[in-house]
């Protein structure tokens, strides 16, 4: 029996002030239930960055993993684009 594939998300690093941890924000467009307009919705995830190479405004790919701490359930897989 094969287990399900882990979720992967692409987002932007919002904070790297912690040791081996970055905060990644994901922005998506969600349809409003009543007015049927598209509204921007953001989610924040704490992700594990083992080598501490992420900087603010980097575009990164994160993957779901086992709980690493109270808030960390994601880890950085790769840095897609470095900040300018």
PDB file of N, CA and C in Angstrom:
ATOM      1  N   UNK A   1       0.842  -1.181   0.000  1.00  0.00           N
ATOM      2  CA  UNK A   1       0.000   0.000   0.000  1.00  0.00           C
ATOM      3  C   UNK A   1       0.892   1.252   0.000  1.00  0.00           C
ATOM      4  N   UNK A   2       0.566   2.192  -0.860  1.00  0.00           N
ATOM      5  CA  UNK A   2       1.359   3.403  -1.000  1.00  0.00           C
ATOM      6  C   UNK A   2       0.699   4.558  -0.264  1.00  0.00           C
ATOM      7  N   UNK A   3       1.515   5.356   0.421  1.00  0.00           N
ATOM      8  CA  UNK A   3       0.939   6.495   1.138  1.00  0.00           C
ATOM      9  C   UNK A   3       0.735   7.668   0.186  1.00  0.00           C
ATOM     10  N   UNK A   4      -0.048   8.613   0.627  1.00  0.00           N
ATOM     11  CA  UNK A   4      -0.346   9.783  -0.198  1.00  0.00           C
ATOM     12  C   UNK A   4       0.887  10.657  -0.370  1.00  0.00           C
ATOM     13  N   UNK A   5       0.942  11.362  -1.481  1.00  0.00           N
ATOM     14  CA  UNK A   5       2.044  12.290  -1.741  1.00  0.00           C
ATOM     15  C   UNK A   5       1.913  13.490  -0.812  1.00  0.00           C
ATOM     16  N   UNK A   6       3.040  14.025  -0.407  1.00  0.00           N
ATOM     17  CA  UNK A   6       3.022  15.191   0.489  1.00  0.00           C
ATOM     18  C   UNK A   6       2.730  16.456  -0.305  1.00  0.00           C
ATOM     19  N   UNK A   7       2.061  17.390   0.331  1.00  0.00           N
ATOM     20  CA  UNK A   7       1.705  18.642  -0.328  1.00  0.00           C
ATOM     21  C   UNK A   7       2.954  19.492  -0.537  1.00  0.00           C
ATOM     22  N   UNK A   8       2.998  20.172  -1.660  1.00  0.00           N
ATOM     23  CA  UNK A   8       4.065  21.125  -1.953  1.00  0.00           C
ATOM     24  C   UNK A   8       3.427  22.454  -2.329  1.00  0.00           C
ATOM     25  N   UNK A   9       3.974  23.530  -1.782  1.00  0.00           N
ATOM     26  CA  UNK A   9       3.420  24.863  -2.010  1.00  0.00           C
ATOM     27  C   UNK A   9       4.567  25.814  -2.340  1.00  0.00           C
ATOM     28  N   UNK A  10       4.295  26.778  -3.222  1.00  0.00           N
ATOM     29  CA  UNK A  10       5.270  27.816  -3.545  1.00  0.00           C
ATOM     30  C   UNK A  10       4.811  29.112  -2.897  1.00  0.00           C
ATOM     31  N   UNK A  11       5.731  29.763  -2.153  1.00  0.00           N
ATOM     32  CA  UNK A  11       5.392  30.999  -1.456  1.00  0.00           C
ATOM     33  C   UNK A  11       6.581  31.926  -1.336  1.00  0.00           C
ATOM     34  N   UNK A  12       6.369  33.032  -0.652  1.00  0.00           N
ATOM     35  CA  UNK A  12       7.395  34.066  -0.479  1.00  0.00           C
ATOM     36  C   UNK A  12       7.785  34.135   0.988  1.00  0.00           C
ATOM     37  N   UNK A  13       9.089  34.226   1.249  1.00  0.00           N
ATOM     38  CA  UNK A  13       9.586  34.298   2.627  1.00  0.00           C
ATOM     39  C   UNK A  13       9.261  35.673   3.196  1.00  0.00           C
ATOM     40  N   UNK A  14       8.552  35.683   4.321  1.00  0.00           N
ATOM     41  CA  UNK A  14       8.166  36.938   4.971  1.00  0.00           C
ATOM     42  C   UNK A  14       9.128  37.297   6.094  1.00  0.00           C
ATOM     43  N   UNK A  15       9.697  36.293   6.764  1.00  0.00           N
ATOM     44  CA  UNK A  15      10.589  36.546   7.893  1.00  0.00           C
ATOM     45  C   UNK A  15      11.612  35.428   7.996  1.00  0.00           C
ATOM     46  N   UNK A  16      12.844  35.803   8.348  1.00  0.00           N
ATOM     47  CA  UNK A  16      13.888  34.814   8.599  1.00  0.00           C
ATOM     48  C   UNK A  16      14.650  35.138   9.885  1.00  0.00           C
ATOM     49  N   UNK A  17      13.980  35.747  10.836  1.00  0.00           N
ATOM     50  CA  UNK A  17      14.611  36.205  12.074  1.00  0.00           C
ATOM     51  C   UNK A  17      14.921  35.065  13.042  1.00  0.00           C
ATOM     52  N   UNK A  18      14.263  33.923  12.875  1.00  0.00           N
ATOM     53  CA  UNK A  18      14.466  32.803  13.790  1.00  0.00           C
ATOM     54  C   UNK A  18      15.597  31.908  13.306  1.00  0.00           C
ATOM     55  N   UNK A  19      16.107  31.074  14.195  1.00  0.00           N
ATOM     56  CA  UNK A  19      17.156  30.134  13.822  1.00  0.00           C
ATOM     57  C   UNK A  19      16.542  28.928  13.132  1.00  0.00           C
ATOM     58  N   UNK A  20      17.005  28.637  11.919  1.00  0.00           N
ATOM     59  CA  UNK A  20      16.570  27.483  11.136  1.00  0.00           C
ATOM     60  C   UNK A  20      15.062  27.459  10.853  1.00  0.00           C
ATOM     61  N   UNK A  21      14.418  28.614  10.917  1.00  0.00           N
ATOM     62  CA  UNK A  21      12.987  28.706  10.646  1.00  0.00           C
ATOM     63  C   UNK A  21      12.707  29.945   9.806  1.00  0.00           C
ATOM     64  N   UNK A  22      11.836  29.802   8.825  1.00  0.00           N
ATOM     65  CA  UNK A  22      11.370  30.945   8.036  1.00  0.00           C
ATOM     66  C   UNK A  22       9.847  30.952   8.033  1.00  0.00           C
ATOM     67  N   UNK A  23       9.282  32.142   7.891  1.00  0.00           N
ATOM     68  CA  UNK A  23       7.845  32.280   7.747  1.00  0.00           C
ATOM     69  C   UNK A  23       7.560  32.507   6.268  1.00  0.00           C
ATOM     70  N   UNK A  24       6.707  31.655   5.697  1.00  0.00           N
ATOM     71  CA  UNK A  24       6.389  31.724   4.273  1.00  0.00           C
ATOM     72  C   UNK A  24       4.925  32.116   4.123  1.00  0.00           C
ATOM     73  N   UNK A  25       4.665  33.121   3.271  1.00  0.00           N
ATOM     74  CA  UNK A  25       3.283  33.536   3.018  1.00  0.00           C
ATOM     75  C   UNK A  25       2.859  33.035   1.647  1.00  0.00           C
ATOM     76  N   UNK A  26       1.636  32.541   1.602  1.00  0.00           N
ATOM     77  CA  UNK A  26       1.042  32.061   0.361  1.00  0.00           C
ATOM     78  C   UNK A  26      -0.176  32.926   0.087  1.00  0.00           C
ATOM     79  N   UNK A  27      -0.235  33.483  -1.102  1.00  0.00           N
ATOM     80  CA  UNK A  27      -1.357  34.337  -1.479  1.00  0.00           C
ATOM     81  C   UNK A  27      -2.183  33.622  -2.539  1.00  0.00           C
ATOM     82  N   UNK A  28      -3.492  33.571  -2.332  1.00  0.00           N
ATOM     83  CA  UNK A  28      -4.370  32.922  -3.294  1.00  0.00           C
ATOM     84  C   UNK A  28      -5.616  33.768  -3.480  1.00  0.00           C
ATOM     85  N   UNK A  29      -6.309  33.536  -4.569  1.00  0.00           N
ATOM     86  CA  UNK A  29      -7.545  34.264  -4.834  1.00  0.00           C
ATOM     87  C   UNK A  29      -8.716  33.353  -4.507  1.00  0.00           C
ATOM     88  N   UNK A  30      -9.636  33.889  -3.709  1.00  0.00           N
ATOM     89  CA  UNK A  30     -10.768  33.125  -3.209  1.00  0.00           C
ATOM     90  C   UNK A  30     -12.042  33.864  -3.608  1.00  0.00           C
ATOM     91  N   UNK A  31     -13.049  33.135  -4.038  1.00  0.00           N
ATOM     92  CA  UNK A  31     -14.294  33.764  -4.450  1.00  0.00           C
ATOM     93  C   UNK A  31     -15.153  34.053  -3.227  1.00  0.00           C
ATOM     94  N   UNK A  32     -15.644  35.287  -3.133  1.00  0.00           N
ATOM     95  CA  UNK A  32     -16.501  35.677  -2.025  1.00  0.00           C
ATOM     96  C   UNK A  32     -17.847  34.965  -2.160  1.00  0.00           C
ATOM     97  N   UNK A  33     -18.349  34.436  -1.048  1.00  0.00           N
ATOM     98  CA  UNK A  33     -19.566  33.619  -1.073  1.00  0.00           C
ATOM     99  C   UNK A  33     -20.796  34.401  -1.516  1.00  0.00           C
ATOM    100  N   UNK A  34     -20.932  35.634  -1.034  1.00  0.00           N
ATOM    101  CA  UNK A  34     -22.130  36.402  -1.340  1.00  0.00           C
ATOM    102  C   UNK A  34     -21.976  37.274  -2.593  1.00  0.00           C
ATOM    103  N   UNK A  35     -20.844  37.965  -2.702  1.00  0.00           N
ATOM    104  CA  UNK A  35     -20.688  38.955  -3.767  1.00  0.00           C
ATOM    105  C   UNK A  35     -20.005  38.411  -5.022  1.00  0.00           C
ATOM    106  N   UNK A  36     -19.512  37.196  -4.987  1.00  0.00           N
ATOM    107  CA  UNK A  36     -18.914  36.519  -6.135  1.00  0.00           C
ATOM    108  C   UNK A  36     -17.746  37.274  -6.757  1.00  0.00           C
ATOM    109  N   UNK A  37     -17.075  38.090  -5.952  1.00  0.00           N
ATOM    110  CA  UNK A  37     -15.862  38.750  -6.409  1.00  0.00           C
ATOM    111  C   UNK A  37     -14.672  37.969  -5.871  1.00  0.00           C
ATOM    112  N   UNK A  38     -13.544  38.087  -6.549  1.00  0.00           N
ATOM    113  CA  UNK A  38     -12.352  37.404  -6.072  1.00  0.00           C
ATOM    114  C   UNK A  38     -11.623  38.277  -5.065  1.00  0.00           C
ATOM    115  N   UNK A  39     -11.293  37.683  -3.929  1.00  0.00           N
ATOM    116  CA  UNK A  39     -10.636  38.386  -2.828  1.00  0.00           C
ATOM    117  C   UNK A  39      -9.302  37.696  -2.563  1.00  0.00           C
ATOM    118  N   UNK A  40      -8.254  38.488  -2.287  1.00  0.00           N
ATOM    119  CA  UNK A  40      -6.961  37.906  -1.955  1.00  0.00           C
ATOM    120  C   UNK A  40      -6.995  37.359  -0.535  1.00  0.00           C
ATOM    121  N   UNK A  41      -6.548  36.132  -0.374  1.00  0.00           N
ATOM    122  CA  UNK A  41      -6.453  35.521   0.948  1.00  0.00           C
ATOM    123  C   UNK A  41      -5.015  35.061   1.145  1.00  0.00           C
ATOM    124  N   UNK A  42      -4.431  35.356   2.305  1.00  0.00           N
ATOM    125  CA  UNK A  42      -3.054  34.953   2.576  1.00  0.00           C
ATOM    126  C   UNK A  42      -3.013  33.975   3.740  1.00  0.00           C
ATOM    127  N   UNK A  43      -2.070  33.058   3.662  1.00  0.00           N
ATOM    128  CA  UNK A  43      -1.830  32.103   4.732  1.00  0.00           C
ATOM    129  C   UNK A  43      -0.349  32.141   5.076  1.00  0.00           C
ATOM    130  N   UNK A  44      -0.030  31.971   6.356  1.00  0.00           N
ATOM    131  CA  UNK A  44       1.360  31.967   6.794  1.00  0.00           C
ATOM    132  C   UNK A  44       1.717  30.579   7.295  1.00  0.00           C
ATOM    133  N   UNK A  45       2.879  30.105   6.890  1.00  0.00           N
ATOM    134  CA  UNK A  45       3.380  28.814   7.341  1.00  0.00           C
ATOM    135  C   UNK A  45       4.787  28.982   7.892  1.00  0.00           C
ATOM    136  N   UNK A  46       5.087  28.261   8.983  1.00  0.00           N
ATOM    137  CA  UNK A  46       6.442  28.214   9.518  1.00  0.00           C
ATOM    138  C   UNK A  46       7.129  27.033   8.855  1.00  0.00           C
ATOM    139  N   UNK A  47       8.295  27.243   8.277  1.00  0.00           N
ATOM    140  CA  UNK A  47       9.002  26.181   7.564  1.00  0.00           C
ATOM    141  C   UNK A  47      10.424  26.044   8.073  1.00  0.00           C
ATOM    142  N   UNK A  48      10.912  24.818   8.086  1.00  0.00           N
ATOM    143  CA  UNK A  48      12.261  24.509   8.559  1.00  0.00           C
ATOM    144  C   UNK A  48      13.263  24.777   7.448  1.00  0.00           C
ATOM    145  N   UNK A  49      14.285  25.591   7.741  1.00  0.00           N
ATOM    146  CA  UNK A  49      15.352  25.932   6.797  1.00  0.00           C
ATOM    147  C   UNK A  49      16.674  25.504   7.426  1.00  0.00           C
ATOM    148  N   UNK A  50      17.096  24.281   7.165  1.00  0.00           N
ATOM    149  CA  UNK A  50      18.259  23.681   7.833  1.00  0.00           C
ATOM    150  C   UNK A  50      19.540  24.479   7.634  1.00  0.00           C
ATOM    151  N   UNK A  51      19.808  24.925   6.407  1.00  0.00           N
ATOM    152  CA  UNK A  51      21.077  25.611   6.104  1.00  0.00           C
ATOM    153  C   UNK A  51      21.018  27.116   6.325  1.00  0.00           C
ATOM    154  N   UNK A  52      19.878  27.644   6.697  1.00  0.00           N
ATOM    155  CA  UNK A  52      19.665  29.077   6.927  1.00  0.00           C
ATOM    156  C   UNK A  52      20.082  29.919   5.730  1.00  0.00           C
ATOM    157  N   UNK A  53      19.673  29.513   4.539  1.00  0.00           N
ATOM    158  CA  UNK A  53      20.058  30.248   3.341  1.00  0.00           C
ATOM    159  C   UNK A  53      18.935  31.075   2.739  1.00  0.00           C
ATOM    160  N   UNK A  54      17.737  31.056   3.315  1.00  0.00           N
ATOM    161  CA  UNK A  54      16.618  31.854   2.805  1.00  0.00           C
ATOM    162  C   UNK A  54      16.684  33.276   3.340  1.00  0.00           C
ATOM    163  N   UNK A  55      16.355  34.215   2.480  1.00  0.00           N
ATOM    164  CA  UNK A  55      16.268  35.616   2.870  1.00  0.00           C
ATOM    165  C   UNK A  55      14.862  36.120   2.588  1.00  0.00           C
ATOM    166  N   UNK A  56      14.545  37.296   3.126  1.00  0.00           N
ATOM    167  CA  UNK A  56      13.227  37.886   2.933  1.00  0.00           C
ATOM    168  C   UNK A  56      12.995  38.148   1.438  1.00  0.00           C
ATOM    169  N   UNK A  57      11.792  37.879   0.971  1.00  0.00           N
ATOM    170  CA  UNK A  57      11.318  38.030  -0.417  1.00  0.00           C
ATOM    171  C   UNK A  57      11.843  36.970  -1.377  1.00  0.00           C
ATOM    172  N   UNK A  58      12.490  35.920  -0.894  1.00  0.00           N
ATOM    173  CA  UNK A  58      12.851  34.792  -1.745  1.00  0.00           C
ATOM    174  C   UNK A  58      11.594  33.991  -2.061  1.00  0.00           C
ATOM    175  N   UNK A  59      11.520  33.457  -3.260  1.00  0.00           N
ATOM    176  CA  UNK A  59      10.427  32.557  -3.632  1.00  0.00           C
ATOM    177  C   UNK A  59      10.917  31.139  -3.361  1.00  0.00           C
ATOM    178  N   UNK A  60      10.187  30.416  -2.508  1.00  0.00           N
ATOM    179  CA  UNK A  60      10.626  29.084  -2.099  1.00  0.00           C
ATOM    180  C   UNK A  60       9.511  28.060  -2.294  1.00  0.00           C
ATOM    181  N   UNK A  61       9.938  26.804  -2.407  1.00  0.00           N
ATOM    182  CA  UNK A  61       8.997  25.681  -2.450  1.00  0.00           C
ATOM    183  C   UNK A  61       9.105  24.979  -1.109  1.00  0.00           C
ATOM    184  N   UNK A  62       7.948  24.793  -0.438  1.00  0.00           N
ATOM    185  CA  UNK A  62       7.933  24.100   0.850  1.00  0.00           C
ATOM    186  C   UNK A  62       7.122  22.820   0.737  1.00  0.00           C
ATOM    187  N   UNK A  63       7.490  21.848   1.564  1.00  0.00           N
ATOM    188  CA  UNK A  63       6.834  20.542   1.540  1.00  0.00           C
ATOM    189  C   UNK A  63       6.356  20.189   2.938  1.00  0.00           C
ATOM    190  N   UNK A  64       5.198  19.549   2.990  1.00  0.00           N
ATOM    191  CA  UNK A  64       4.620  19.104   4.251  1.00  0.00           C
ATOM    192  C   UNK A  64       5.516  18.024   4.873  1.00  0.00           C
ATOM    193  N   UNK A  65       5.635  18.048   6.193  1.00  0.00           N
ATOM    194  CA  UNK A  65       6.445  17.059   6.891  1.00  0.00           C
ATOM    195  C   UNK A  65       5.848  16.783   8.263  1.00  0.00           C
ATOM    196  N   UNK A  66       6.472  15.903   9.015  1.00  0.00           N
ATOM    197  CA  UNK A  66       6.000  15.610  10.365  1.00  0.00           C
ATOM    198  C   UNK A  66       6.151  16.846  11.239  1.00  0.00           C
ATOM    199  N   UNK A  67       5.445  16.951  12.353  1.00  0.00           N
ATOM    200  CA  UNK A  67       5.603  18.111  13.228  1.00  0.00           C
ATOM    201  C   UNK A  67       7.027  18.210  13.772  1.00  0.00           C
ATOM    202  N   UNK A  68       7.664  19.357  13.534  1.00  0.00           N
ATOM    203  CA  UNK A  68       9.026  19.589  13.993  1.00  0.00           C
ATOM    204  C   UNK A  68       9.055  20.403  15.282  1.00  0.00           C
ATOM    205  N   UNK A  69       8.019  21.183  15.522  1.00  0.00           N
ATOM    206  CA  UNK A  69       7.888  21.952  16.757  1.00  0.00           C
ATOM    207  C   UNK A  69       6.407  22.293  16.918  1.00  0.00           C
ATOM    208  N   UNK A  70       6.116  23.219  17.813  1.00  0.00           N
ATOM    209  CA  UNK A  70       4.720  23.594  18.069  1.00  0.00           C
ATOM    210  C   UNK A  70       4.023  24.101  16.800  1.00  0.00           C
ATOM    211  N   UNK A  71       4.708  24.918  16.013  1.00  0.00           N
ATOM    212  CA  UNK A  71       4.089  25.529  14.832  1.00  0.00           C
ATOM    213  C   UNK A  71       4.648  25.048  13.498  1.00  0.00           C
ATOM    214  N   UNK A  72       5.783  24.352  13.507  1.00  0.00           N
ATOM    215  CA  UNK A  72       6.441  23.967  12.253  1.00  0.00           C
ATOM    216  C   UNK A  72       5.979  22.608  11.762  1.00  0.00           C
ATOM    217  N   UNK A  73       5.355  22.594  10.560  1.00  0.00           N
ATOM    218  CA  UNK A  73       4.949  21.346   9.925  1.00  0.00           C
ATOM    219  C   UNK A  73       5.368  21.307   8.456  1.00  0.00           C
ATOM    220  N   UNK A  74       6.228  22.221   8.052  1.00  0.00           N
ATOM    221  CA  UNK A  74       6.690  22.337   6.674  1.00  0.00           C
ATOM    222  C   UNK A  74       8.208  22.458   6.669  1.00  0.00           C
ATOM    223  N   UNK A  75       8.835  22.129   5.524  1.00  0.00           N
ATOM    224  CA  UNK A  75      10.268  22.329   5.373  1.00  0.00           C
ATOM    225  C   UNK A  75      10.554  22.878   3.989  1.00  0.00           C
ATOM    226  N   UNK A  76      11.632  23.655   3.884  1.00  0.00           N
ATOM    227  CA  UNK A  76      12.012  24.267   2.618  1.00  0.00           C
ATOM    228  C   UNK A  76      12.677  23.203   1.755  1.00  0.00           C
ATOM    229  N   UNK A  77      12.144  23.016   0.539  1.00  0.00           N
ATOM    230  CA  UNK A  77      12.712  22.042  -0.391  1.00  0.00           C
ATOM    231  C   UNK A  77      13.764  22.711  -1.266  1.00  0.00           C
ATOM    232  N   UNK A  78      13.410  23.868  -1.843  1.00  0.00           N
ATOM    233  CA  UNK A  78      14.354  24.575  -2.701  1.00  0.00           C
ATOM    234  C   UNK A  78      14.008  26.060  -2.765  1.00  0.00           C
ATOM    235  N   UNK A  79      15.024  26.840  -3.089  1.00  0.00           N
ATOM    236  CA  UNK A  79      14.830  28.272  -3.332  1.00  0.00           C
ATOM    237  C   UNK A  79      14.677  28.440  -4.833  1.00  0.00           C
ATOM    238  N   UNK A  80      13.492  28.840  -5.257  1.00  0.00           N
ATOM    239  CA  UNK A  80      13.206  28.973  -6.684  1.00  0.00           C
ATOM    240  C   UNK A  80      13.822  30.250  -7.245  1.00  0.00           C
ATOM    241  N   UNK A  81      13.663  31.360  -6.503  1.00  0.00           N
ATOM    242  CA  UNK A  81      14.182  32.645  -6.970  1.00  0.00           C
ATOM    243  C   UNK A  81      14.696  33.443  -5.805  1.00  0.00           C
ATOM    244  N   UNK A  82      15.924  33.936  -5.912  1.00  0.00           N
ATOM    245  CA  UNK A  82      16.499  34.771  -4.858  1.00  0.00           C
ATOM    246  C   UNK A  82      15.947  36.194  -4.953  1.00  0.00           C
ATOM    247  N   UNK A  83      15.870  36.876  -3.811  1.00  0.00           N
ATOM    248  CA  UNK A  83      15.399  38.265  -3.803  1.00  0.00           C
ATOM    249  C   UNK A  83      16.445  39.176  -4.441  1.00  0.00           C
ATOM    250  N   UNK A  84      15.953  40.253  -5.045  1.00  0.00           N
ATOM    251  CA  UNK A  84      16.867  41.189  -5.705  1.00  0.00           C
ATOM    252  C   UNK A  84      17.265  42.306  -4.791  1.00  0.00           C
TER     253      UNK A  84
END
